[in-house]
All heavy atoms as atom14 arrays in JSON, in Angstrom:
{
  "sequence": "GACLKGRQRQVADLLVEGATDHQVANRLGLSSRTVR",
  "atom14_mask": [
    [1, 1, 1, 1, 0, 0, 0, 0, 0, 0, 0, 0, 0, 0],
    [1, 1, 1, 1, 1, 0, 0, 0, 0, 0, 0, 0, 0, 0],
    [1, 1, 1, 1, 1, 1, 0, 0, 0, 0, 0, 0, 0, 0],
    [1, 1, 1, 1, 1, 1, 1, 1, 0, 0, 0, 0, 0, 0],
    [1, 1, 1, 1, 1, 1, 1, 1, 1, 0, 0, 0, 0, 0],
    [1, 1, 1, 1, 0, 0, 0, 0, 0, 0, 0, 0, 0, 0],
    [1, 1, 1, 1, 1, 1, 1, 1, 1, 1, 1, 0, 0, 0],
    [1, 1, 1, 1, 1, 1, 1, 1, 1, 0, 0, 0, 0, 0],
    [1, 1, 1, 1, 1, 1, 1, 1, 1, 1, 1, 0, 0, 0],
    [1, 1, 1, 1, 1, 1, 1, 1, 1, 0, 0, 0, 0, 0],
    [1, 1, 1, 1, 1, 1, 1, 0, 0, 0, 0, 0, 0, 0],
    [1, 1, 1, 1, 1, 0, 0, 0, 0, 0, 0, 0, 0, 0],
    [1, 1, 1, 1, 1, 1, 1, 1, 0, 0, 0, 0, 0, 0],
    [1, 1, 1, 1, 1, 1, 1, 1, 0, 0, 0, 0, 0, 0],
    [1, 1, 1, 1, 1, 1, 1, 1, 0, 0, 0, 0, 0, 0],
    [1, 1, 1, 1, 1, 1, 1, 0, 0, 0, 0, 0, 0, 0],
    [1, 1, 1, 1, 1, 1, 1, 1, 1, 0, 0, 0, 0, 0],
    [1, 1, 1, 1, 0, 0, 0, 0, 0, 0, 0, 0, 0, 0],
    [1, 1, 1, 1, 1, 0, 0, 0, 0, 0, 0, 0, 0, 0],
    [1, 1, 1, 1, 1, 1, 1, 0, 0, 0, 0, 0, 0, 0],
    [1, 1, 1, 1, 1, 1, 1, 1, 0, 0, 0, 0, 0, 0],
    [1, 1, 1, 1, 1, 1, 1, 1, 1, 1, 0, 0, 0, 0],
    [1, 1, 1, 1, 1, 1, 1, 1, 1, 0, 0, 0, 0, 0],
    [1, 1, 1, 1, 1, 1, 1, 0, 0, 0, 0, 0, 0, 0],
    [1, 1, 1, 1, 1, 0, 0, 0, 0, 0, 0, 0, 0, 0],
    [1, 1, 1, 1, 1, 1, 1, 1, 0, 0, 0, 0, 0, 0],
    [1, 1, 1, 1, 1, 1, 1, 1, 1, 1, 1, 0, 0, 0],
    [1, 1, 1, 1, 1, 1, 1, 1, 0, 0, 0, 0, 0, 0],
    [1, 1, 1, 1, 0, 0, 0, 0, 0, 0, 0, 0, 0, 0],
    [1, 1, 1, 1, 1, 1, 1, 1, 0, 0, 0, 0, 0, 0],
    [1, 1, 1, 1, 1, 1, 0, 0, 0, 0, 0, 0, 0, 0],
    [1, 1, 1, 1, 1, 1, 0, 0, 0, 0, 0, 0, 0, 0],
    [1, 1, 1, 1, 1, 1, 1, 1, 1, 1, 1, 0, 0, 0],
    [1, 1, 1, 1, 1, 1, 1, 0, 0, 0, 0, 0, 0, 0],
    [1, 1, 1, 1, 1, 1, 1, 0, 0, 0, 0, 0, 0, 0],
    [1, 1, 1, 1, 1, 1, 1, 1, 1, 1, 1, 0, 0, 0]
  ],
  "atom14_positions": [
    [[-37.74, 72.49, 81.9], [-38.47, 71.96, 83.03], [-39.48, 72.91, 83.62], [-39.28, 73.39, 84.7], [0.0, 0.0, 0.0], [0.0, 0.0, 0.0], [0.0, 0.0, 0.0], [0.0, 0.0, 0.0], [0.0, 0.0, 0.0], [0.0, 0.0, 0.0], [0.0, 0.0, 0.0], [0.0, 0.0, 0.0], [0.0, 0.0, 0.0], [0.0, 0.0, 0.0]],
    [[-40.55, 73.2, 82.9], [-41.61, 73.99, 83.51], [-42.29, 73.11, 84.55], [-41.67, 72.25, 85.1], [-42.57, 74.45, 82.43], [0.0, 0.0, 0.0], [0.0, 0.0, 0.0], [0.0, 0.0, 0.0], [0.0, 0.0, 0.0], [0.0, 0.0, 0.0], [0.0, 0.0, 0.0], [0.0, 0.0, 0.0], [0.0, 0.0, 0.0], [0.0, 0.0, 0.0]],
    [[-43.53, 73.28, 84.86], [-44.09, 72.46, 85.92], [-44.62, 71.13, 85.43], [-44.97, 70.97, 84.29], [-45.07, 73.25, 86.73], [-46.71, 73.59, 86.34], [0.0, 0.0, 0.0], [0.0, 0.0, 0.0], [0.0, 0.0, 0.0], [0.0, 0.0, 0.0], [0.0, 0.0, 0.0], [0.0, 0.0, 0.0], [0.0, 0.0, 0.0], [0.0, 0.0, 0.0]],
    [[-44.6, 70.16, 86.33], [-45.02, 68.8, 86.02], [-46.5, 68.64, 86.32], [-47.02, 69.25, 87.25], [-44.23, 67.8, 86.85], [-42.72, 67.83, 86.67], [-42.06, 66.9, 87.67], [-42.34, 67.43, 85.27], [0.0, 0.0, 0.0], [0.0, 0.0, 0.0], [0.0, 0.0, 0.0], [0.0, 0.0, 0.0], [0.0, 0.0, 0.0], [0.0, 0.0, 0.0]],
    [[-47.16, 67.8, 85.56], [-48.58, 67.56, 85.77], [-48.86, 66.07, 85.74], [-48.12, 65.3, 85.13], [-49.4, 68.25, 84.67], [-49.28, 69.75, 84.7], [-50.07, 70.4, 83.61], [-49.84, 71.9, 83.66], [-50.29, 72.59, 82.51], [0.0, 0.0, 0.0], [0.0, 0.0, 0.0], [0.0, 0.0, 0.0], [0.0, 0.0, 0.0], [0.0, 0.0, 0.0]],
    [[-49.95, 65.68, 86.37], [-50.45, 64.31, 86.29], [-49.47, 63.26, 86.77], [-48.84, 63.38, 87.83], [0.0, 0.0, 0.0], [0.0, 0.0, 0.0], [0.0, 0.0, 0.0], [0.0, 0.0, 0.0], [0.0, 0.0, 0.0], [0.0, 0.0, 0.0], [0.0, 0.0, 0.0], [0.0, 0.0, 0.0], [0.0, 0.0, 0.0], [0.0, 0.0, 0.0]],
    [[-49.35, 62.21, 85.96], [-48.5, 61.07, 86.3], [-47.03, 61.45, 86.46], [-46.34, 60.92, 87.31], [-48.61, 59.97, 85.24], [-49.9, 59.23, 85.26], [-49.87, 58.22, 86.38], [-51.06, 57.39, 86.29], [-51.69, 56.91, 87.33], [-51.25, 57.13, 88.54], [-52.76, 56.19, 87.17], [0.0, 0.0, 0.0], [0.0, 0.0, 0.0], [0.0, 0.0, 0.0]],
    [[-46.55, 62.38, 85.62], [-45.16, 62.8, 85.74], [-44.9, 63.37, 87.13], [-43.87, 63.1, 87.73], [-44.79, 63.82, 84.67], [-44.57, 63.24, 83.31], [-44.06, 64.26, 82.32], [-44.18, 65.47, 82.5], [-43.47, 63.76, 81.24], [0.0, 0.0, 0.0], [0.0, 0.0, 0.0], [0.0, 0.0, 0.0], [0.0, 0.0, 0.0], [0.0, 0.0, 0.0]],
    [[-45.83, 64.14, 87.63], [-45.68, 64.74, 88.96], [-45.64, 63.65, 90.04], [-44.82, 63.68, 90.94], [-46.85, 65.71, 89.2], [-46.94, 66.27, 90.58], [-45.78, 67.16, 90.87], [-45.87, 67.64, 92.23], [-45.3, 68.7, 92.67], [-44.57, 69.43, 91.85], [-45.39, 69.06, 93.91], [0.0, 0.0, 0.0], [0.0, 0.0, 0.0], [0.0, 0.0, 0.0]],
    [[-46.55, 62.67, 89.94], [-46.59, 61.58, 90.92], [-45.3, 60.77, 90.9], [-44.74, 60.46, 91.95], [-47.79, 60.67, 90.65], [-49.12, 61.33, 90.88], [-50.28, 60.45, 90.43], [-50.2, 59.79, 89.4], [-51.35, 60.45, 91.23], [0.0, 0.0, 0.0], [0.0, 0.0, 0.0], [0.0, 0.0, 0.0], [0.0, 0.0, 0.0], [0.0, 0.0, 0.0]],
    [[-44.85, 60.43, 89.7], [-43.61, 59.66, 89.57], [-42.43, 60.48, 90.1], [-41.59, 59.96, 90.83], [-43.38, 59.23, 88.1], [-41.99, 58.66, 87.9], [-44.45, 58.21, 87.68], [0.0, 0.0, 0.0], [0.0, 0.0, 0.0], [0.0, 0.0, 0.0], [0.0, 0.0, 0.0], [0.0, 0.0, 0.0], [0.0, 0.0, 0.0], [0.0, 0.0, 0.0]],
    [[-42.37, 61.75, 89.75], [-41.27, 62.61, 90.21], [-41.22, 62.7, 91.72], [-40.14, 62.6, 92.33], [-41.42, 64.01, 89.61], [0.0, 0.0, 0.0], [0.0, 0.0, 0.0], [0.0, 0.0, 0.0], [0.0, 0.0, 0.0], [0.0, 0.0, 0.0], [0.0, 0.0, 0.0], [0.0, 0.0, 0.0], [0.0, 0.0, 0.0], [0.0, 0.0, 0.0]],
    [[-42.38, 62.86, 92.36], [-42.42, 62.93, 93.83], [-41.84, 61.67, 94.46], [-41.07, 61.74, 95.42], [-43.85, 63.17, 94.32], [-44.34, 64.58, 94.05], [-43.5, 65.48, 93.84], [-45.58, 64.77, 94.04], [0.0, 0.0, 0.0], [0.0, 0.0, 0.0], [0.0, 0.0, 0.0], [0.0, 0.0, 0.0], [0.0, 0.0, 0.0], [0.0, 0.0, 0.0]],
    [[-42.21, 60.52, 93.93], [-41.72, 59.25, 94.5], [-40.23, 59.05, 94.21], [-39.49, 58.54, 95.05], [-42.54, 58.07, 93.96], [-44.0, 58.04, 94.45], [-44.78, 56.96, 93.73], [-44.05, 57.85, 95.96], [0.0, 0.0, 0.0], [0.0, 0.0, 0.0], [0.0, 0.0, 0.0], [0.0, 0.0, 0.0], [0.0, 0.0, 0.0], [0.0, 0.0, 0.0]],
    [[-39.78, 59.47, 93.04], [-38.35, 59.34, 92.71], [-37.5, 60.22, 93.64], [-36.44, 59.81, 94.09], [-38.08, 59.71, 91.25], [-38.61, 58.74, 90.2], [-38.36, 59.31, 88.8], [-37.98, 57.37, 90.34], [0.0, 0.0, 0.0], [0.0, 0.0, 0.0], [0.0, 0.0, 0.0], [0.0, 0.0, 0.0], [0.0, 0.0, 0.0], [0.0, 0.0, 0.0]],
    [[-38.0, 61.42, 93.93], [-37.28, 62.33, 94.82], [-37.19, 61.74, 96.23], [-36.21, 61.93, 96.93], [-37.94, 63.73, 94.83], [-37.39, 64.6, 95.94], [-37.71, 64.4, 93.48], [0.0, 0.0, 0.0], [0.0, 0.0, 0.0], [0.0, 0.0, 0.0], [0.0, 0.0, 0.0], [0.0, 0.0, 0.0], [0.0, 0.0, 0.0], [0.0, 0.0, 0.0]],
    [[-38.22, 60.98, 96.62], [-38.2, 60.32, 97.92], [-37.25, 59.13, 97.95], [-37.0, 58.56, 99.01], [-39.61, 59.84, 98.29], [-40.57, 60.96, 98.6], [-41.99, 60.45, 98.83], [-42.19, 59.22, 99.01], [-42.9, 61.28, 98.85], [0.0, 0.0, 0.0], [0.0, 0.0, 0.0], [0.0, 0.0, 0.0], [0.0, 0.0, 0.0], [0.0, 0.0, 0.0]],
    [[-36.73, 58.73, 96.78], [-35.77, 57.63, 96.73], [-36.34, 56.31, 96.27], [-35.66, 55.28, 96.34], [0.0, 0.0, 0.0], [0.0, 0.0, 0.0], [0.0, 0.0, 0.0], [0.0, 0.0, 0.0], [0.0, 0.0, 0.0], [0.0, 0.0, 0.0], [0.0, 0.0, 0.0], [0.0, 0.0, 0.0], [0.0, 0.0, 0.0], [0.0, 0.0, 0.0]],
    [[-37.57, 56.3, 95.79], [-38.19, 55.05, 95.33], [-37.57, 54.57, 94.03], [-37.17, 55.38, 93.18], [-39.7, 55.26, 95.15], [0.0, 0.0, 0.0], [0.0, 0.0, 0.0], [0.0, 0.0, 0.0], [0.0, 0.0, 0.0], [0.0, 0.0, 0.0], [0.0, 0.0, 0.0], [0.0, 0.0, 0.0], [0.0, 0.0, 0.0], [0.0, 0.0, 0.0]],
    [[-37.47, 53.26, 93.87], [-36.99, 52.67, 92.62], [-38.15, 52.65, 91.62], [-39.31, 52.85, 91.99], [-36.49, 51.23, 92.84], [-37.61, 50.42, 93.25], [-35.39, 51.18, 93.88], [0.0, 0.0, 0.0], [0.0, 0.0, 0.0], [0.0, 0.0, 0.0], [0.0, 0.0, 0.0], [0.0, 0.0, 0.0], [0.0, 0.0, 0.0], [0.0, 0.0, 0.0]],
    [[-37.85, 52.35, 90.36], [-38.91, 52.26, 89.34], [-39.95, 51.22, 89.76], [-41.15, 51.43, 89.6], [-38.32, 51.89, 87.99], [-37.51, 53.01, 87.37], [-37.52, 54.14, 87.91], [-36.87, 52.77, 86.33], [0.0, 0.0, 0.0], [0.0, 0.0, 0.0], [0.0, 0.0, 0.0], [0.0, 0.0, 0.0], [0.0, 0.0, 0.0], [0.0, 0.0, 0.0]],
    [[-39.49, 50.09, 90.26], [-40.4, 49.01, 90.67], [-41.3, 49.47, 91.83], [-42.51, 49.2, 91.83], [-39.59, 47.77, 91.07], [-40.43, 46.59, 91.41], [-41.15, 45.9, 90.45], [-40.7, 46.0, 92.6], [-41.8, 44.92, 91.04], [-41.56, 44.95, 92.35], [0.0, 0.0, 0.0], [0.0, 0.0, 0.0], [0.0, 0.0, 0.0], [0.0, 0.0, 0.0]],
    [[-40.74, 50.17, 92.81], [-41.53, 50.68, 93.93], [-42.54, 51.72, 93.46], [-43.68, 51.75, 93.94], [-40.61, 51.28, 95.0], [-39.77, 50.24, 95.71], [-38.66, 50.87, 96.56], [-38.19, 51.97, 96.25], [-38.25, 50.16, 97.6], [0.0, 0.0, 0.0], [0.0, 0.0, 0.0], [0.0, 0.0, 0.0], [0.0, 0.0, 0.0], [0.0, 0.0, 0.0]],
    [[-42.14, 52.59, 92.55], [-43.06, 53.59, 92.0], [-44.22, 52.89, 91.3], [-45.39, 53.25, 91.49], [-42.33, 54.54, 91.03], [-43.32, 55.43, 90.29], [-41.3, 55.38, 91.76], [0.0, 0.0, 0.0], [0.0, 0.0, 0.0], [0.0, 0.0, 0.0], [0.0, 0.0, 0.0], [0.0, 0.0, 0.0], [0.0, 0.0, 0.0], [0.0, 0.0, 0.0]],
    [[-43.91, 51.88, 90.5], [-44.95, 51.14, 89.78], [-45.95, 50.51, 90.74], [-47.17, 50.61, 90.54], [-44.31, 50.06, 88.9], [0.0, 0.0, 0.0], [0.0, 0.0, 0.0], [0.0, 0.0, 0.0], [0.0, 0.0, 0.0], [0.0, 0.0, 0.0], [0.0, 0.0, 0.0], [0.0, 0.0, 0.0], [0.0, 0.0, 0.0], [0.0, 0.0, 0.0]],
    [[-45.45, 49.9, 91.8], [-46.34, 49.26, 92.78], [-47.22, 50.29, 93.49], [-48.41, 50.06, 93.69], [-45.53, 48.47, 93.81], [-44.98, 47.18, 93.22], [-45.48, 46.68, 92.21], [-43.94, 46.66, 93.85], [0.0, 0.0, 0.0], [0.0, 0.0, 0.0], [0.0, 0.0, 0.0], [0.0, 0.0, 0.0], [0.0, 0.0, 0.0], [0.0, 0.0, 0.0]],
    [[-46.64, 51.41, 93.89], [-47.41, 52.41, 94.65], [-48.45, 53.13, 93.8], [-49.49, 53.54, 94.31], [-46.46, 53.41, 95.29], [-45.72, 52.77, 96.48], [-44.72, 53.66, 97.11], [-45.3, 54.76, 97.85], [-44.57, 55.67, 98.48], [-43.25, 55.59, 98.47], [-45.14, 56.66, 99.13], [0.0, 0.0, 0.0], [0.0, 0.0, 0.0], [0.0, 0.0, 0.0]],
    [[-48.16, 53.28, 92.5], [-49.1, 54.0, 91.64], [-49.99, 53.08, 90.8], [-50.85, 53.55, 90.05], [-48.35, 54.96, 90.7], [-47.56, 56.09, 91.38], [-46.84, 56.93, 90.35], [-48.49, 56.94, 92.23], [0.0, 0.0, 0.0], [0.0, 0.0, 0.0], [0.0, 0.0, 0.0], [0.0, 0.0, 0.0], [0.0, 0.0, 0.0], [0.0, 0.0, 0.0]],
    [[-49.76, 51.77, 90.93], [-50.56, 50.81, 90.15], [-50.25, 50.85, 88.67], [-51.13, 50.68, 87.83], [0.0, 0.0, 0.0], [0.0, 0.0, 0.0], [0.0, 0.0, 0.0], [0.0, 0.0, 0.0], [0.0, 0.0, 0.0], [0.0, 0.0, 0.0], [0.0, 0.0, 0.0], [0.0, 0.0, 0.0], [0.0, 0.0, 0.0], [0.0, 0.0, 0.0]],
    [[-48.99, 51.09, 88.34], [-48.55, 51.15, 86.94], [-47.62, 49.97, 86.66], [-47.1, 49.34, 87.58], [-47.78, 52.45, 86.67], [-48.5, 53.76, 86.95], [-47.51, 54.93, 86.85], [-49.64, 53.95, 85.97], [0.0, 0.0, 0.0], [0.0, 0.0, 0.0], [0.0, 0.0, 0.0], [0.0, 0.0, 0.0], [0.0, 0.0, 0.0], [0.0, 0.0, 0.0]],
    [[-47.38, 49.71, 85.39], [-46.38, 48.7, 85.05], [-44.99, 49.33, 85.15], [-44.83, 50.55, 85.02], [-46.61, 48.16, 83.63], [-46.27, 49.14, 82.68], [0.0, 0.0, 0.0], [0.0, 0.0, 0.0], [0.0, 0.0, 0.0], [0.0, 0.0, 0.0], [0.0, 0.0, 0.0], [0.0, 0.0, 0.0], [0.0, 0.0, 0.0], [0.0, 0.0, 0.0]],
    [[-43.98, 48.5, 85.36], [-42.6, 49.0, 85.42], [-42.21, 49.65, 84.1], [-41.47, 50.63, 84.07], [-41.63, 47.87, 85.76], [-41.83, 47.45, 87.08], [0.0, 0.0, 0.0], [0.0, 0.0, 0.0], [0.0, 0.0, 0.0], [0.0, 0.0, 0.0], [0.0, 0.0, 0.0], [0.0, 0.0, 0.0], [0.0, 0.0, 0.0], [0.0, 0.0, 0.0]],
    [[-42.72, 49.1, 83.01], [-42.42, 49.66, 81.69], [-42.97, 51.08, 81.56], [-42.31, 51.97, 81.02], [-42.99, 48.77, 80.6], [-42.7, 49.29, 79.2], [-43.31, 48.38, 78.17], [-42.61, 47.12, 78.17], [-41.99, 46.61, 77.12], [-42.01, 47.26, 75.98], [-41.37, 45.48, 77.19], [0.0, 0.0, 0.0], [0.0, 0.0, 0.0], [0.0, 0.0, 0.0]],
    [[-44.17, 51.32, 82.08], [-44.77, 52.66, 82.03], [-43.92, 53.63, 82.86], [-43.67, 54.77, 82.42], [-46.22, 52.62, 82.55], [-46.98, 51.73, 81.74], [-46.84, 54.01, 82.54], [0.0, 0.0, 0.0], [0.0, 0.0, 0.0], [0.0, 0.0, 0.0], [0.0, 0.0, 0.0], [0.0, 0.0, 0.0], [0.0, 0.0, 0.0], [0.0, 0.0, 0.0]],
    [[-43.47, 53.19, 84.02], [-42.64, 54.06, 84.86], [-41.34, 54.39, 84.15], [-40.9, 55.54, 84.13], [-42.38, 53.42, 86.24], [-41.37, 54.23, 87.03], [-43.68, 53.28, 87.02], [0.0, 0.0, 0.0], [0.0, 0.0, 0.0], [0.0, 0.0, 0.0], [0.0, 0.0, 0.0], [0.0, 0.0, 0.0], [0.0, 0.0, 0.0], [0.0, 0.0, 0.0]],
    [[-40.71, 53.39, 83.52], [-39.46, 53.63, 82.77], [-39.7, 54.62, 81.63], [-38.86, 55.47, 81.34], [-38.87, 52.33, 82.26], [-38.18, 51.51, 83.33], [-37.36, 50.38, 82.75], [-38.13, 49.46, 81.94], [-38.76, 48.38, 82.39], [-38.71, 48.07, 83.67], [-39.42, 47.59, 81.57], [0.0, 0.0, 0.0], [0.0, 0.0, 0.0], [0.0, 0.0, 0.0]]
  ]
}
């Protein structure tokens, strides 16, 4: 686990805040499949 960049960083930040995959997808404008 070196440092995260780009989308991984954005998804990680939201997951740490407690967001579900569906919530992460909505907030970042991604599909749920991409988040998974």
